[in-house]
Amino acid sequence: MKFTQYFHAMSQRPHRSAIDIEWIKRVIENPIKEVIQEDGRIRRWAMIEEAGGKYLRVILLADGETIHNAFFDRSFKL
């Protein structure tokens, strides 16, 4: 998996350090929703049971491979 420098910086924050790489992989491979932004970045969501049923949003660069950001999306609705 490839990551941006921004992802590495953000993943050091205390509230994001608990996000497991396997959860990110799960979101990328099995999203319940996907949106392509105007800039080409790809947003994908999936529910993470192990995190109390929270929805994890993963943002990929336009190449569809490089992970730019990952966080629990408190406002996500199906």
PDB file of N, CA and C in Angstrom:
ATOM      1  N   MET A   1       0.839  -1.183   0.000  1.00  0.00           N
ATOM      2  CA  MET A   1       0.000   0.000   0.000  1.00  0.00           C
ATOM      3  C   MET A   1       0.882   1.244   0.000  1.00  0.00           C
ATOM      4  N   LYS A   2       0.437   2.249  -0.745  1.00  0.00           N
ATOM      5  CA  LYS A   2       1.176   3.505  -0.830  1.00  0.00           C
ATOM      6  C   LYS A   2       0.431   4.566  -0.028  1.00  0.00           C
ATOM      7  N   PHE A   3       1.189   5.487   0.571  1.00  0.00           N
ATOM      8  CA  PHE A   3       0.624   6.532   1.410  1.00  0.00           C
ATOM      9  C   PHE A   3       1.247   7.874   1.054  1.00  0.00           C
ATOM     10  N   THR A   4       0.465   8.953   1.209  1.00  0.00           N
ATOM     11  CA  THR A   4       1.012  10.295   1.034  1.00  0.00           C
ATOM     12  C   THR A   4       1.713  10.714   2.328  1.00  0.00           C
ATOM     13  N   GLN A   5       2.529  11.734   2.236  1.00  0.00           N
ATOM     14  CA  GLN A   5       3.156  12.295   3.431  1.00  0.00           C
ATOM     15  C   GLN A   5       2.087  12.846   4.382  1.00  0.00           C
ATOM     16  N   TYR A   6       1.026  13.399   3.805  1.00  0.00           N
ATOM     17  CA  TYR A   6      -0.077  13.915   4.624  1.00  0.00           C
ATOM     18  C   TYR A   6      -0.671  12.796   5.474  1.00  0.00           C
ATOM     19  N   PHE A   7      -0.882  11.618   4.877  1.00  0.00           N
ATOM     20  CA  PHE A   7      -1.421  10.498   5.627  1.00  0.00           C
ATOM     21  C   PHE A   7      -0.501  10.150   6.794  1.00  0.00           C
ATOM     22  N   HIS A   8       0.796  10.073   6.541  1.00  0.00           N
ATOM     23  CA  HIS A   8       1.746   9.742   7.598  1.00  0.00           C
ATOM     24  C   HIS A   8       1.688  10.767   8.731  1.00  0.00           C
ATOM     25  N   ALA A   9       1.583  12.041   8.384  1.00  0.00           N
ATOM     26  CA  ALA A   9       1.502  13.088   9.406  1.00  0.00           C
ATOM     27  C   ALA A   9       0.212  12.975  10.213  1.00  0.00           C
ATOM     28  N   MET A  10      -0.913  12.780   9.544  1.00  0.00           N
ATOM     29  CA  MET A  10      -2.203  12.705  10.224  1.00  0.00           C
ATOM     30  C   MET A  10      -2.329  11.436  11.071  1.00  0.00           C
ATOM     31  N   SER A  11      -1.717  10.356  10.640  1.00  0.00           N
ATOM     32  CA  SER A  11      -1.842   9.095  11.376  1.00  0.00           C
ATOM     33  C   SER A  11      -1.082   9.127  12.704  1.00  0.00           C
ATOM     34  N   GLN A  12      -0.279  10.151  12.924  1.00  0.00           N
ATOM     35  CA  GLN A  12       0.431  10.305  14.196  1.00  0.00           C
ATOM     36  C   GLN A  12      -0.434  10.957  15.271  1.00  0.00           C
ATOM     37  N   ARG A  13      -1.546  11.550  14.873  1.00  0.00           N
ATOM     38  CA  ARG A  13      -2.440  12.188  15.846  1.00  0.00           C
ATOM     39  C   ARG A  13      -3.073  11.123  16.731  1.00  0.00           C
ATOM     40  N   PRO A  14      -3.239  11.426  18.011  1.00  0.00           N
ATOM     41  CA  PRO A  14      -3.744  10.410  18.951  1.00  0.00           C
ATOM     42  C   PRO A  14      -5.071   9.764  18.544  1.00  0.00           C
ATOM     43  N   HIS A  15      -6.030  10.551  18.068  1.00  0.00           N
ATOM     44  CA  HIS A  15      -7.334   9.977  17.721  1.00  0.00           C
ATOM     45  C   HIS A  15      -7.302   9.181  16.419  1.00  0.00           C
ATOM     46  N   ARG A  16      -6.257   9.323  15.637  1.00  0.00           N
ATOM     47  CA  ARG A  16      -6.159   8.563  14.391  1.00  0.00           C
ATOM     48  C   ARG A  16      -5.190   7.384  14.482  1.00  0.00           C
ATOM     49  N   SER A  17      -4.351   7.383  15.490  1.00  0.00           N
ATOM     50  CA  SER A  17      -3.375   6.304  15.603  1.00  0.00           C
ATOM     51  C   SER A  17      -4.042   4.962  15.909  1.00  0.00           C
ATOM     52  N   ALA A  18      -5.293   4.998  16.368  1.00  0.00           N
ATOM     53  CA  ALA A  18      -6.021   3.759  16.679  1.00  0.00           C
ATOM     54  C   ALA A  18      -6.617   3.102  15.436  1.00  0.00           C
ATOM     55  N   ILE A  19      -6.541   3.763  14.294  1.00  0.00           N
ATOM     56  CA  ILE A  19      -7.090   3.206  13.056  1.00  0.00           C
ATOM     57  C   ILE A  19      -6.126   2.153  12.520  1.00  0.00           C
ATOM     58  N   ASP A  20      -6.608   0.942  12.439  1.00  0.00           N
ATOM     59  CA  ASP A  20      -5.797  -0.196  12.009  1.00  0.00           C
ATOM     60  C   ASP A  20      -5.652  -0.208  10.482  1.00  0.00           C
ATOM     61  N   ILE A  21      -4.460  -0.504  10.017  1.00  0.00           N
ATOM     62  CA  ILE A  21      -4.204  -0.581   8.574  1.00  0.00           C
ATOM     63  C   ILE A  21      -5.110  -1.620   7.913  1.00  0.00           C
ATOM     64  N   GLU A  22      -5.413  -2.691   8.604  1.00  0.00           N
ATOM     65  CA  GLU A  22      -6.310  -3.716   8.054  1.00  0.00           C
ATOM     66  C   GLU A  22      -7.715  -3.159   7.834  1.00  0.00           C
ATOM     67  N   TRP A  23      -8.145  -2.244   8.689  1.00  0.00           N
ATOM     68  CA  TRP A  23      -9.451  -1.615   8.498  1.00  0.00           C
ATOM     69  C   TRP A  23      -9.439  -0.758   7.236  1.00  0.00           C
ATOM     70  N   ILE A  24      -8.342  -0.038   7.020  1.00  0.00           N
ATOM     71  CA  ILE A  24      -8.211   0.791   5.824  1.00  0.00           C
ATOM     72  C   ILE A  24      -8.268  -0.093   4.575  1.00  0.00           C
ATOM     73  N   LYS A  25      -7.555  -1.189   4.615  1.00  0.00           N
ATOM     74  CA  LYS A  25      -7.554  -2.128   3.486  1.00  0.00           C
ATOM     75  C   LYS A  25      -8.967  -2.648   3.232  1.00  0.00           C
ATOM     76  N   ARG A  26      -9.690  -2.960   4.297  1.00  0.00           N
ATOM     77  CA  ARG A  26     -11.059  -3.461   4.177  1.00  0.00           C
ATOM     78  C   ARG A  26     -11.970  -2.424   3.504  1.00  0.00           C
ATOM     79  N   VAL A  27     -11.822  -1.166   3.880  1.00  0.00           N
ATOM     80  CA  VAL A  27     -12.635  -0.100   3.273  1.00  0.00           C
ATOM     81  C   VAL A  27     -12.321   0.018   1.785  1.00  0.00           C
ATOM     82  N   ILE A  28     -11.037  -0.025   1.441  1.00  0.00           N
ATOM     83  CA  ILE A  28     -10.632   0.106   0.038  1.00  0.00           C
ATOM     84  C   ILE A  28     -11.195  -1.040  -0.800  1.00  0.00           C
ATOM     85  N   GLU A  29     -11.133  -2.249  -0.259  1.00  0.00           N
ATOM     86  CA  GLU A  29     -11.546  -3.424  -1.025  1.00  0.00           C
ATOM     87  C   GLU A  29     -13.054  -3.674  -1.021  1.00  0.00           C
ATOM     88  N   ASN A  30     -13.750  -3.235   0.027  1.00  0.00           N
ATOM     89  CA  ASN A  30     -15.184  -3.523   0.160  1.00  0.00           C
ATOM     90  C   ASN A  30     -15.968  -2.317   0.645  1.00  0.00           C
ATOM     91  N   PRO A  31     -15.954  -1.222  -0.093  1.00  0.00           N
ATOM     92  CA  PRO A  31     -16.692  -0.044   0.371  1.00  0.00           C
ATOM     93  C   PRO A  31     -18.201  -0.250   0.252  1.00  0.00           C
ATOM     94  N   ILE A  32     -18.932   0.409   1.155  1.00  0.00           N
ATOM     95  CA  ILE A  32     -20.391   0.409   1.023  1.00  0.00           C
ATOM     96  C   ILE A  32     -20.846   1.629   0.232  1.00  0.00           C
ATOM     97  N   LYS A  33     -19.931   2.602   0.080  1.00  0.00           N
ATOM     98  CA  LYS A  33     -20.223   3.789  -0.732  1.00  0.00           C
ATOM     99  C   LYS A  33     -18.908   4.327  -1.283  1.00  0.00           C
ATOM    100  N   GLU A  34     -18.987   4.881  -2.500  1.00  0.00           N
ATOM    101  CA  GLU A  34     -17.815   5.504  -3.125  1.00  0.00           C
ATOM    102  C   GLU A  34     -18.253   6.767  -3.832  1.00  0.00           C
ATOM    103  N   VAL A  35     -17.463   7.818  -3.674  1.00  0.00           N
ATOM    104  CA  VAL A  35     -17.721   9.094  -4.339  1.00  0.00           C
ATOM    105  C   VAL A  35     -16.403   9.565  -4.933  1.00  0.00           C
ATOM    106  N   ILE A  36     -16.453  10.001  -6.185  1.00  0.00           N
ATOM    107  CA  ILE A  36     -15.271  10.570  -6.825  1.00  0.00           C
ATOM    108  C   ILE A  36     -15.413  12.087  -6.776  1.00  0.00           C
ATOM    109  N   GLN A  37     -14.438  12.736  -6.169  1.00  0.00           N
ATOM    110  CA  GLN A  37     -14.461  14.178  -6.022  1.00  0.00           C
ATOM    111  C   GLN A  37     -14.094  14.848  -7.348  1.00  0.00           C
ATOM    112  N   GLU A  38     -14.351  16.141  -7.438  1.00  0.00           N
ATOM    113  CA  GLU A  38     -14.023  16.891  -8.657  1.00  0.00           C
ATOM    114  C   GLU A  38     -12.535  16.861  -8.973  1.00  0.00           C
ATOM    115  N   ASP A  39     -11.698  16.769  -7.932  1.00  0.00           N
ATOM    116  CA  ASP A  39     -10.247  16.734  -8.150  1.00  0.00           C
ATOM    117  C   ASP A  39      -9.738  15.334  -8.472  1.00  0.00           C
ATOM    118  N   GLY A  40     -10.646  14.359  -8.571  1.00  0.00           N
ATOM    119  CA  GLY A  40     -10.274  12.993  -8.924  1.00  0.00           C
ATOM    120  C   GLY A  40     -10.026  12.077  -7.736  1.00  0.00           C
ATOM    121  N   ARG A  41      -9.923  12.662  -6.549  1.00  0.00           N
ATOM    122  CA  ARG A  41      -9.729  11.813  -5.370  1.00  0.00           C
ATOM    123  C   ARG A  41     -10.970  10.956  -5.141  1.00  0.00           C
ATOM    124  N   ILE A  42     -10.750   9.822  -4.526  1.00  0.00           N
ATOM    125  CA  ILE A  42     -11.823   8.838  -4.339  1.00  0.00           C
ATOM    126  C   ILE A  42     -12.093   8.679  -2.853  1.00  0.00           C
ATOM    127  N   ARG A  43     -13.353   8.881  -2.467  1.00  0.00           N
ATOM    128  CA  ARG A  43     -13.756   8.681  -1.073  1.00  0.00           C
ATOM    129  C   ARG A  43     -14.494   7.355  -0.970  1.00  0.00           C
ATOM    130  N   ARG A  44     -14.099   6.533  -0.013  1.00  0.00           N
ATOM    131  CA  ARG A  44     -14.765   5.247   0.219  1.00  0.00           C
ATOM    132  C   ARG A  44     -15.069   5.101   1.706  1.00  0.00           C
ATOM    133  N   TRP A  45     -16.221   4.484   1.985  1.00  0.00           N
ATOM    134  CA  TRP A  45     -16.654   4.266   3.359  1.00  0.00           C
ATOM    135  C   TRP A  45     -16.988   2.804   3.591  1.00  0.00           C
ATOM    136  N   ALA A  46     -16.803   2.376   4.833  1.00  0.00           N
ATOM    137  CA  ALA A  46     -17.270   1.060   5.287  1.00  0.00           C
ATOM    138  C   ALA A  46     -17.418   1.122   6.802  1.00  0.00           C
ATOM    139  N   MET A  47     -18.324   0.299   7.323  1.00  0.00           N
ATOM    140  CA  MET A  47     -18.505   0.217   8.757  1.00  0.00           C
ATOM    141  C   MET A  47     -17.457  -0.724   9.347  1.00  0.00           C
ATOM    142  N   ILE A  48     -16.918  -0.317  10.486  1.00  0.00           N
ATOM    143  CA  ILE A  48     -15.912  -1.120  11.180  1.00  0.00           C
ATOM    144  C   ILE A  48     -16.533  -1.596  12.490  1.00  0.00           C
ATOM    145  N   GLU A  49     -16.932  -2.854  12.506  1.00  0.00           N
ATOM    146  CA  GLU A  49     -17.574  -3.438  13.694  1.00  0.00           C
ATOM    147  C   GLU A  49     -16.676  -3.328  14.926  1.00  0.00           C
ATOM    148  N   GLU A  50     -15.385  -3.592  14.750  1.00  0.00           N
ATOM    149  CA  GLU A  50     -14.437  -3.592  15.863  1.00  0.00           C
ATOM    150  C   GLU A  50     -14.274  -2.221  16.510  1.00  0.00           C
ATOM    151  N   ALA A  51     -14.719  -1.191  15.814  1.00  0.00           N
ATOM    152  CA  ALA A  51     -14.636   0.180  16.330  1.00  0.00           C
ATOM    153  C   ALA A  51     -16.005   0.662  16.792  1.00  0.00           C
ATOM    154  N   GLY A  52     -16.829  -0.262  17.211  1.00  0.00           N
ATOM    155  CA  GLY A  52     -18.153   0.102  17.711  1.00  0.00           C
ATOM    156  C   GLY A  52     -19.148   0.451  16.622  1.00  0.00           C
ATOM    157  N   GLY A  53     -18.915  -0.067  15.415  1.00  0.00           N
ATOM    158  CA  GLY A  53     -19.837   0.183  14.316  1.00  0.00           C
ATOM    159  C   GLY A  53     -19.666   1.549  13.674  1.00  0.00           C
ATOM    160  N   LYS A  54     -18.535   2.207  13.915  1.00  0.00           N
ATOM    161  CA  LYS A  54     -18.270   3.516  13.294  1.00  0.00           C
ATOM    162  C   LYS A  54     -17.949   3.319  11.815  1.00  0.00           C
ATOM    163  N   TYR A  55     -18.189   4.382  11.039  1.00  0.00           N
ATOM    164  CA  TYR A  55     -17.888   4.362   9.610  1.00  0.00           C
ATOM    165  C   TYR A  55     -16.532   5.013   9.364  1.00  0.00           C
ATOM    166  N   LEU A  56     -15.666   4.271   8.697  1.00  0.00           N
ATOM    167  CA  LEU A  56     -14.338   4.761   8.357  1.00  0.00           C
ATOM    168  C   LEU A  56     -14.363   5.283   6.926  1.00  0.00           C
ATOM    169  N   ARG A  57     -13.898   6.517   6.754  1.00  0.00           N
ATOM    170  CA  ARG A  57     -13.761   7.090   5.409  1.00  0.00           C
ATOM    171  C   ARG A  57     -12.289   7.037   5.031  1.00  0.00           C
ATOM    172  N   VAL A  58     -12.004   6.519   3.838  1.00  0.00           N
ATOM    173  CA  VAL A  58     -10.647   6.482   3.309  1.00  0.00           C
ATOM    174  C   VAL A  58     -10.645   7.295   2.027  1.00  0.00           C
ATOM    175  N   ILE A  59      -9.685   8.188   1.909  1.00  0.00           N
ATOM    176  CA  ILE A  59      -9.556   9.010   0.712  1.00  0.00           C
ATOM    177  C   ILE A  59      -8.306   8.577  -0.037  1.00  0.00           C
ATOM    178  N   LEU A  60      -8.520   8.204  -1.291  1.00  0.00           N
ATOM    179  CA  LEU A  60      -7.433   7.784  -2.170  1.00  0.00           C
ATOM    180  C   LEU A  60      -7.148   8.884  -3.182  1.00  0.00           C
ATOM    181  N   LEU A  61      -5.913   8.956  -3.634  1.00  0.00           N
ATOM    182  CA  LEU A  61      -5.608   9.857  -4.739  1.00  0.00           C
ATOM    183  C   LEU A  61      -6.263   9.318  -6.003  1.00  0.00           C
ATOM    184  N   ALA A  62      -6.245  10.108  -7.060  1.00  0.00           N
ATOM    185  CA  ALA A  62      -6.903   9.737  -8.311  1.00  0.00           C
ATOM    186  C   ALA A  62      -6.347   8.449  -8.911  1.00  0.00           C
ATOM    187  N   ASP A  63      -5.152   8.035  -8.500  1.00  0.00           N
ATOM    188  CA  ASP A  63      -4.592   6.784  -9.030  1.00  0.00           C
ATOM    189  C   ASP A  63      -5.311   5.552  -8.472  1.00  0.00           C
ATOM    190  N   GLY A  64      -6.161   5.751  -7.462  1.00  0.00           N
ATOM    191  CA  GLY A  64      -6.916   4.648  -6.885  1.00  0.00           C
ATOM    192  C   GLY A  64      -6.105   3.734  -5.987  1.00  0.00           C
ATOM    193  N   GLU A  65      -4.857   4.081  -5.726  1.00  0.00           N
ATOM    194  CA  GLU A  65      -3.961   3.238  -4.927  1.00  0.00           C
ATOM    195  C   GLU A  65      -3.377   3.943  -3.715  1.00  0.00           C
ATOM    196  N   THR A  66      -3.040   5.208  -3.881  1.00  0.00           N
ATOM    197  CA  THR A  66      -2.340   5.936  -2.833  1.00  0.00           C
ATOM    198  C   THR A  66      -3.325   6.476  -1.803  1.00  0.00           C
ATOM    199  N   ILE A  67      -3.097   6.118  -0.536  1.00  0.00           N
ATOM    200  CA  ILE A  67      -3.979   6.534   0.548  1.00  0.00           C
ATOM    201  C   ILE A  67      -3.563   7.920   1.026  1.00  0.00           C
ATOM    202  N   HIS A  68      -4.511   8.852   0.980  1.00  0.00           N
ATOM    203  CA  HIS A  68      -4.249  10.234   1.367  1.00  0.00           C
ATOM    204  C   HIS A  68      -4.737  10.536   2.784  1.00  0.00           C
ATOM    205  N   ASN A  69      -5.845   9.905   3.193  1.00  0.00           N
ATOM    206  CA  ASN A  69      -6.414  10.202   4.498  1.00  0.00           C
ATOM    207  C   ASN A  69      -7.322   9.060   4.927  1.00  0.00           C
ATOM    208  N   ALA A  70      -7.517   8.920   6.227  1.00  0.00           N
ATOM    209  CA  ALA A  70      -8.443   7.926   6.772  1.00  0.00           C
ATOM    210  C   ALA A  70      -8.894   8.417   8.146  1.00  0.00           C
ATOM    211  N   PHE A  71     -10.209   8.432   8.348  1.00  0.00           N
ATOM    212  CA  PHE A  71     -10.736   8.897   9.626  1.00  0.00           C
ATOM    213  C   PHE A  71     -12.160   8.382   9.808  1.00  0.00           C
ATOM    214  N   PHE A  72     -12.599   8.348  11.065  1.00  0.00           N
ATOM    215  CA  PHE A  72     -13.971   7.960  11.341  1.00  0.00           C
ATOM    216  C   PHE A  72     -14.872   9.146  11.034  1.00  0.00           C
ATOM    217  N   ASP A  73     -15.841   8.914  10.172  1.00  0.00           N
ATOM    218  CA  ASP A  73     -16.730   9.955   9.672  1.00  0.00           C
ATOM    219  C   ASP A  73     -18.004   9.965  10.510  1.00  0.00           C
ATOM    220  N   ARG A  74     -18.076  10.886  11.464  1.00  0.00           N
ATOM    221  CA  ARG A  74     -19.211  10.949  12.375  1.00  0.00           C
ATOM    222  C   ARG A  74     -20.502  11.382  11.705  1.00  0.00           C
ATOM    223  N   SER A  75     -20.409  12.022  10.555  1.00  0.00           N
ATOM    224  CA  SER A  75     -21.609  12.521   9.887  1.00  0.00           C
ATOM    225  C   SER A  75     -22.088  11.621   8.750  1.00  0.00           C
ATOM    226  N   PHE A  76     -21.443  10.449   8.555  1.00  0.00           N
ATOM    227  CA  PHE A  76     -21.804   9.584   7.434  1.00  0.00           C
ATOM    228  C   PHE A  76     -23.206   9.009   7.603  1.00  0.00           C
ATOM    229  N   LYS A  77     -23.964   9.062   6.524  1.00  0.00           N
ATOM    230  CA  LYS A  77     -25.294   8.455   6.451  1.00  0.00           C
ATOM    231  C   LYS A  77     -25.382   7.668   5.149  1.00  0.00           C
ATOM    232  N   LEU A  78     -26.014   6.512   5.201  1.00  0.00           N
ATOM    233  CA  LEU A  78     -26.200   5.709   3.988  1.00  0.00           C
ATOM    234  C   LEU A  78     -27.165   6.356   3.036  1.00  0.00           C
TER     235      LEU A  78
END
